[in-house]
Each structure stands twice: as C-alpha cells, then as structure tokens.
Amino acid sequence: MLSFRVDEAEARAIQRWATLLGVDRSELLREALHRQLVRLAAETEVAAWDRTPLDEGEQAIARIADWGPAEDWSDWADAAG
C-alpha cells in the first residue's frame, strides 16, 4: 500500500477526472502509476538495445524481411491434380 500527498490543485483534478471517467480516485491513480512504470521500463529497454547492437545473425533476419511478403501460392493448390 502506498500513501502520498499531492497539492490541492492536483487533488481537485484527480477527483474531477475520476468523476468524469466514473472510476474511483484510487483506480485512476493506480492506472496512472502503472502507465508511468510501463513507460519507464520501456525507456530502460530502449537504452539496453542502444548499448547492445544486433549481432550478424539478428541483422540477417532484418535483411530477409526487406525482401517483402512471400508470394501467395495458395491458388496453385489444385495444380497438383
């Protein structure tokens, strides 16, 4: 359980949004905190990718993807007879 203080203007804004959204203030704050934690984790992951570039094998898959979509041969299903 967490408990923290916010200034009066933020408290009013929280209550106003909770009322508009039809949710409890606690739910609104939990969701806001969750979104912030997800964003921070994503930023950390991006930094890790920047520090560790793709190796040759991983880059090969990207080059294959550049070929474009595979041809659709499904209309040849009846060609075998």
Protein backbone atom coordinates (compact mmCIF):
# COMPACT_ATOMS: atom_id res chain seq x y z
CA MET A 1 0.00 0.00 0.00
CA LEU A 2 1.23 3.47 -0.86
CA SER A 3 0.22 6.78 0.56
CA PHE A 4 1.40 10.17 -0.67
CA ARG A 5 0.41 13.80 -0.73
CA VAL A 6 -0.40 15.99 -3.71
CA ASP A 7 -1.13 19.68 -3.84
CA GLU A 8 -4.74 20.88 -3.73
CA ALA A 9 -4.98 21.67 -7.44
CA GLU A 10 -3.83 18.16 -8.36
CA ALA A 11 -6.22 16.62 -5.84
CA ARG A 12 -9.12 18.53 -7.41
CA ALA A 13 -8.02 17.48 -10.91
CA ILE A 14 -7.79 13.85 -9.80
CA GLN A 15 -11.27 13.98 -8.34
CA ARG A 16 -12.66 15.75 -11.41
CA TRP A 17 -11.19 13.13 -13.78
CA ALA A 18 -12.28 10.24 -11.58
CA THR A 19 -15.83 11.60 -11.58
CA LEU A 20 -15.81 12.19 -15.36
CA LEU A 21 -14.50 8.69 -16.01
CA GLY A 22 -16.80 7.07 -13.47
CA VAL A 23 -13.97 5.44 -11.53
CA ASP A 24 -12.68 5.64 -8.01
CA ARG A 25 -9.75 8.01 -7.36
CA SER A 26 -7.64 5.06 -6.24
CA GLU A 27 -8.29 3.26 -9.51
CA LEU A 28 -7.37 6.36 -11.51
CA LEU A 29 -4.12 6.75 -9.56
CA ARG A 30 -3.26 3.04 -9.82
CA GLU A 31 -3.72 3.16 -13.58
CA ALA A 32 -1.66 6.35 -13.89
CA LEU A 33 1.14 4.82 -11.82
CA HIS A 34 1.02 1.60 -13.84
CA ARG A 35 1.28 3.52 -17.14
CA GLN A 36 4.23 5.53 -15.83
CA LEU A 37 6.04 2.38 -14.69
CA VAL A 38 5.46 0.73 -18.07
CA ARG A 39 6.82 3.84 -19.83
CA LEU A 40 9.92 3.90 -17.64
CA ALA A 41 10.53 0.20 -18.23
CA ALA A 42 10.24 0.75 -21.99
CA GLU A 43 12.75 3.59 -21.85
CA THR A 44 15.17 1.35 -19.97
CA GLU A 45 14.70 -1.38 -22.57
CA VAL A 46 15.43 1.07 -25.40
CA ALA A 47 18.62 2.15 -23.66
CA ALA A 48 19.68 -1.50 -23.35
CA TRP A 49 19.08 -2.06 -27.07
CA ASP A 50 21.18 1.03 -27.84
CA ARG A 51 24.05 -0.33 -25.74
CA THR A 52 23.89 -3.80 -27.32
CA PRO A 53 23.63 -3.65 -31.10
CA LEU A 54 22.24 -6.58 -33.06
CA ASP A 55 24.71 -9.30 -33.99
CA GLU A 56 25.17 -10.59 -37.56
CA GLY A 57 22.56 -13.34 -37.17
CA GLU A 58 19.94 -10.94 -35.87
CA GLN A 59 20.68 -8.48 -38.68
CA ALA A 60 20.26 -11.27 -41.26
CA ILE A 61 16.62 -11.69 -40.28
CA ALA A 62 16.04 -7.97 -40.86
CA ARG A 63 17.57 -8.26 -44.34
CA ILE A 64 15.23 -11.16 -45.15
CA ALA A 65 12.26 -9.07 -44.00
CA ASP A 66 13.34 -6.40 -46.52
CA TRP A 67 12.56 -8.86 -49.33
CA GLY A 68 8.90 -8.14 -48.79
CA PRO A 69 6.00 -10.52 -48.31
CA ALA A 70 6.26 -14.07 -49.56
CA GLU A 71 4.33 -14.89 -52.72
CA ASP A 72 0.88 -16.35 -52.27
CA TRP A 73 0.89 -19.80 -53.87
CA SER A 74 -2.46 -20.87 -52.42
CA ASP A 75 -4.14 -20.66 -55.83
CA TRP A 76 -1.78 -23.45 -57.02
CA ALA A 77 -3.30 -25.96 -54.59
CA ASP A 78 -5.30 -27.61 -57.36
CA ALA A 79 -2.34 -27.71 -59.80
CA ALA A 80 -1.05 -30.99 -58.37
CA GLY A 81 -4.15 -32.71 -59.67
